[in-house]
Amino acid sequence: PEMMLWRMSYLDAHCHLQDPRARSHLTEWLAEARNVGITEFALGGVGPEDWGAQETLISEFSTARFYRSAGLHPWWVSAQEDSTIERALT
């Protein structure tokens, strides 16, 4: 009988690949991740500006599966006016 080989696939459960500082390395990092079986990435949301960056990443890099997160990081919240935080939550 033919032996079945299973290839394990992994998920990076928290990353910020949408960060502009990662942009110049993304193609290389995604290829390295794929080589070791990491094919899915949960993107940590920081604030509203970051949410758009997640959308851009998803549209530009179809070689991996990304999961968006519309979170508000406590550091972002602490630097904002209450009205800005309220707008972000609606």
N, C-alpha and C. Protein backbone atom coordinates (compact mmCIF):
# COMPACT_ATOMS: atom_id res chain seq x y z
N PRO A 1 0.83 -1.20 0.00
CA PRO A 1 0.00 0.00 0.00
C PRO A 1 0.87 1.26 0.00
N GLU A 2 0.33 2.28 -0.63
CA GLU A 2 1.04 3.56 -0.71
C GLU A 2 0.97 4.28 0.64
N MET A 3 2.11 4.78 1.07
CA MET A 3 2.17 5.50 2.35
C MET A 3 1.74 6.95 2.14
N MET A 4 0.87 7.45 3.01
CA MET A 4 0.43 8.85 2.93
C MET A 4 1.33 9.69 3.82
N LEU A 5 1.83 10.76 3.27
CA LEU A 5 2.63 11.69 4.04
C LEU A 5 1.79 12.93 4.32
N TRP A 6 1.77 13.33 5.56
CA TRP A 6 1.00 14.52 5.96
C TRP A 6 1.96 15.67 6.16
N ARG A 7 1.63 16.77 5.60
CA ARG A 7 2.42 17.98 5.82
C ARG A 7 1.65 18.86 6.80
N MET A 8 2.28 19.14 7.89
CA MET A 8 1.66 19.95 8.92
C MET A 8 1.67 21.41 8.50
N SER A 9 0.61 22.12 8.79
CA SER A 9 0.52 23.54 8.52
C SER A 9 0.34 24.27 9.85
N TYR A 10 1.02 25.39 9.98
CA TYR A 10 0.99 26.13 11.23
C TYR A 10 0.43 27.53 11.04
N LEU A 11 -0.04 28.08 12.16
CA LEU A 11 -0.59 29.44 12.21
C LEU A 11 0.25 30.25 13.19
N ASP A 12 0.72 31.42 12.74
CA ASP A 12 1.35 32.37 13.65
C ASP A 12 0.20 33.12 14.31
N ALA A 13 0.01 32.90 15.61
CA ALA A 13 -1.19 33.37 16.30
C ALA A 13 -1.16 34.85 16.67
N HIS A 14 -0.04 35.53 16.49
CA HIS A 14 0.00 36.97 16.79
C HIS A 14 1.22 37.58 16.14
N CYS A 15 0.98 38.38 15.12
CA CYS A 15 2.09 39.07 14.46
C CYS A 15 1.61 40.42 13.96
N HIS A 16 2.56 41.25 13.54
CA HIS A 16 2.25 42.58 13.04
C HIS A 16 2.95 42.78 11.69
N LEU A 17 2.70 41.87 10.77
CA LEU A 17 3.35 41.95 9.46
C LEU A 17 2.91 43.17 8.66
N GLN A 18 1.82 43.81 9.06
CA GLN A 18 1.35 45.02 8.39
C GLN A 18 2.14 46.26 8.82
N ASP A 19 3.00 46.13 9.81
CA ASP A 19 3.82 47.24 10.28
C ASP A 19 4.71 47.72 9.14
N PRO A 20 4.76 49.02 8.88
CA PRO A 20 5.57 49.52 7.76
C PRO A 20 7.05 49.12 7.85
N ARG A 21 7.56 48.90 9.05
CA ARG A 21 8.96 48.51 9.21
C ARG A 21 9.23 47.11 8.66
N ALA A 22 8.19 46.31 8.48
CA ALA A 22 8.35 44.94 7.97
C ALA A 22 8.28 44.89 6.45
N ARG A 23 7.82 45.92 5.83
CA ARG A 23 7.52 45.93 4.39
C ARG A 23 8.68 45.43 3.54
N SER A 24 9.89 45.89 3.80
CA SER A 24 11.01 45.51 2.93
C SER A 24 11.44 44.06 3.11
N HIS A 25 10.94 43.40 4.14
CA HIS A 25 11.33 42.01 4.41
C HIS A 25 10.21 41.00 4.12
N LEU A 26 9.02 41.47 3.82
CA LEU A 26 7.86 40.58 3.77
C LEU A 26 7.98 39.41 2.81
N THR A 27 8.41 39.66 1.61
CA THR A 27 8.52 38.57 0.63
C THR A 27 9.44 37.48 1.16
N GLU A 28 10.58 37.88 1.69
CA GLU A 28 11.55 36.93 2.24
C GLU A 28 10.97 36.21 3.46
N TRP A 29 10.38 36.95 4.39
CA TRP A 29 9.83 36.35 5.61
C TRP A 29 8.71 35.36 5.32
N LEU A 30 7.82 35.73 4.37
CA LEU A 30 6.72 34.83 4.04
C LEU A 30 7.23 33.55 3.37
N ALA A 31 8.26 33.67 2.54
CA ALA A 31 8.84 32.48 1.91
C ALA A 31 9.49 31.59 2.96
N GLU A 32 10.22 32.18 3.90
CA GLU A 32 10.83 31.39 4.98
C GLU A 32 9.77 30.71 5.83
N ALA A 33 8.71 31.43 6.13
CA ALA A 33 7.63 30.85 6.93
C ALA A 33 7.00 29.67 6.20
N ARG A 34 6.72 29.86 4.92
CA ARG A 34 6.12 28.79 4.11
C ARG A 34 7.02 27.55 4.08
N ASN A 35 8.33 27.77 4.02
CA ASN A 35 9.28 26.65 3.98
C ASN A 35 9.25 25.80 5.24
N VAL A 36 8.85 26.39 6.36
CA VAL A 36 8.77 25.63 7.60
C VAL A 36 7.33 25.29 7.98
N GLY A 37 6.39 25.56 7.06
CA GLY A 37 5.01 25.15 7.25
C GLY A 37 4.08 26.18 7.85
N ILE A 38 4.54 27.41 8.03
CA ILE A 38 3.66 28.47 8.54
C ILE A 38 2.98 29.13 7.34
N THR A 39 1.67 28.94 7.24
CA THR A 39 0.94 29.45 6.08
C THR A 39 -0.19 30.40 6.45
N GLU A 40 -0.44 30.55 7.75
CA GLU A 40 -1.52 31.42 8.20
C GLU A 40 -1.01 32.35 9.28
N PHE A 41 -1.55 33.59 9.29
CA PHE A 41 -1.06 34.61 10.20
C PHE A 41 -2.22 35.40 10.77
N ALA A 42 -2.29 35.50 12.09
CA ALA A 42 -3.28 36.34 12.76
C ALA A 42 -2.62 37.69 13.02
N LEU A 43 -3.13 38.71 12.35
CA LEU A 43 -2.54 40.04 12.45
C LEU A 43 -3.11 40.76 13.67
N GLY A 44 -2.24 41.27 14.51
CA GLY A 44 -2.68 42.02 15.68
C GLY A 44 -2.99 43.45 15.29
N GLY A 45 -4.22 43.89 15.53
CA GLY A 45 -4.61 45.27 15.24
C GLY A 45 -4.18 46.20 16.35
N VAL A 46 -3.72 47.39 16.00
CA VAL A 46 -3.24 48.36 16.97
C VAL A 46 -4.19 49.54 17.07
N GLY A 47 -4.64 50.04 15.94
CA GLY A 47 -5.54 51.19 15.89
C GLY A 47 -6.10 51.33 14.49
N PRO A 48 -6.99 52.29 14.28
CA PRO A 48 -7.66 52.43 12.98
C PRO A 48 -6.72 52.54 11.78
N GLU A 49 -5.60 53.25 11.93
CA GLU A 49 -4.68 53.38 10.81
C GLU A 49 -4.09 52.02 10.44
N ASP A 50 -3.90 51.19 11.45
CA ASP A 50 -3.33 49.86 11.27
C ASP A 50 -4.31 48.93 10.54
N TRP A 51 -5.59 49.12 10.74
CA TRP A 51 -6.59 48.25 10.12
C TRP A 51 -6.51 48.35 8.60
N GLY A 52 -6.32 49.55 8.08
CA GLY A 52 -6.17 49.72 6.64
C GLY A 52 -4.90 49.06 6.12
N ALA A 53 -3.84 49.12 6.91
CA ALA A 53 -2.58 48.47 6.52
C ALA A 53 -2.77 46.96 6.43
N GLN A 54 -3.62 46.40 7.28
CA GLN A 54 -3.91 44.97 7.21
C GLN A 54 -4.59 44.64 5.88
N GLU A 55 -5.55 45.45 5.49
CA GLU A 55 -6.24 45.24 4.21
C GLU A 55 -5.27 45.28 3.05
N THR A 56 -4.36 46.24 3.07
CA THR A 56 -3.35 46.36 2.00
C THR A 56 -2.48 45.12 1.95
N LEU A 57 -2.02 44.66 3.10
CA LEU A 57 -1.19 43.46 3.17
C LEU A 57 -1.93 42.27 2.57
N ILE A 58 -3.16 42.09 2.96
CA ILE A 58 -3.95 40.96 2.48
C ILE A 58 -4.11 41.01 0.96
N SER A 59 -4.33 42.19 0.42
CA SER A 59 -4.53 42.30 -1.03
C SER A 59 -3.22 42.13 -1.81
N GLU A 60 -2.10 42.46 -1.21
CA GLU A 60 -0.82 42.40 -1.92
C GLU A 60 -0.12 41.05 -1.82
N PHE A 61 -0.38 40.29 -0.78
CA PHE A 61 0.33 39.04 -0.57
C PHE A 61 -0.65 37.88 -0.49
N SER A 62 -0.91 37.28 -1.62
CA SER A 62 -1.88 36.19 -1.69
C SER A 62 -1.26 34.82 -1.43
N THR A 63 0.02 34.79 -1.11
CA THR A 63 0.70 33.51 -0.88
C THR A 63 0.46 32.97 0.52
N ALA A 64 -0.19 33.74 1.37
CA ALA A 64 -0.47 33.31 2.74
C ALA A 64 -1.91 33.69 3.09
N ARG A 65 -2.41 33.07 4.13
CA ARG A 65 -3.75 33.40 4.63
C ARG A 65 -3.58 34.27 5.86
N PHE A 66 -4.21 35.44 5.82
CA PHE A 66 -4.14 36.40 6.93
C PHE A 66 -5.51 36.54 7.57
N TYR A 67 -5.50 36.70 8.88
CA TYR A 67 -6.72 36.96 9.64
C TYR A 67 -6.59 38.35 10.26
N ARG A 68 -7.53 39.22 9.91
CA ARG A 68 -7.49 40.59 10.41
C ARG A 68 -7.96 40.67 11.85
N SER A 69 -7.48 41.70 12.53
CA SER A 69 -7.92 41.98 13.89
C SER A 69 -8.07 43.49 14.01
N ALA A 70 -9.26 43.93 14.36
CA ALA A 70 -9.52 45.37 14.51
C ALA A 70 -9.39 45.76 15.97
N GLY A 71 -8.26 45.41 16.57
CA GLY A 71 -8.05 45.72 17.98
C GLY A 71 -7.58 47.14 18.21
N LEU A 72 -7.64 47.54 19.47
CA LEU A 72 -7.10 48.82 19.91
C LEU A 72 -6.07 48.52 21.00
N HIS A 73 -4.82 48.74 20.68
CA HIS A 73 -3.74 48.47 21.63
C HIS A 73 -3.81 49.51 22.76
N PRO A 74 -3.55 49.08 23.98
CA PRO A 74 -3.58 50.04 25.11
C PRO A 74 -2.67 51.24 24.92
N TRP A 75 -1.52 51.07 24.27
CA TRP A 75 -0.64 52.21 24.02
C TRP A 75 -1.31 53.20 23.08
N TRP A 76 -2.01 52.68 22.07
CA TRP A 76 -2.72 53.56 21.14
C TRP A 76 -3.82 54.30 21.90
N VAL A 77 -4.58 53.57 22.69
CA VAL A 77 -5.70 54.16 23.44
C VAL A 77 -5.20 55.25 24.38
N SER A 78 -4.10 55.00 25.06
CA SER A 78 -3.61 55.97 26.05
C SER A 78 -3.15 57.28 25.40
N ALA A 79 -2.88 57.27 24.10
CA ALA A 79 -2.41 58.47 23.41
C ALA A 79 -3.53 59.20 22.68
N GLN A 80 -4.79 58.77 22.86
CA GLN A 80 -5.90 59.34 22.09
C GLN A 80 -6.89 60.08 22.99
N GLU A 81 -7.62 60.98 22.38
CA GLU A 81 -8.73 61.65 23.06
C GLU A 81 -9.91 60.67 23.13
N ASP A 82 -10.76 60.84 24.10
CA ASP A 82 -11.94 59.97 24.24
C ASP A 82 -12.78 59.94 22.97
N SER A 83 -12.94 61.10 22.33
CA SER A 83 -13.77 61.15 21.12
C SER A 83 -13.16 60.31 19.99
N THR A 84 -11.84 60.28 19.88
CA THR A 84 -11.18 59.47 18.85
C THR A 84 -11.39 57.98 19.13
N ILE A 85 -11.29 57.61 20.38
CA ILE A 85 -11.50 56.20 20.76
C ILE A 85 -12.94 55.79 20.46
N GLU A 86 -13.89 56.66 20.79
CA GLU A 86 -15.30 56.35 20.51
C GLU A 86 -15.54 56.17 19.03
N ARG A 87 -14.95 57.04 18.18
CA ARG A 87 -15.11 56.92 16.73
C ARG A 87 -14.51 55.61 16.25
N ALA A 88 -13.39 55.20 16.81
CA ALA A 88 -12.74 53.96 16.40
C ALA A 88 -13.61 52.75 16.73
N LEU A 89 -14.36 52.84 17.78
CA LEU A 89 -15.19 51.71 18.21
C LEU A 89 -16.52 51.61 17.48
N THR A 90 -16.87 52.62 16.69
CA THR A 90 -18.16 52.57 15.97
C THR A 90 -17.96 52.23 14.53
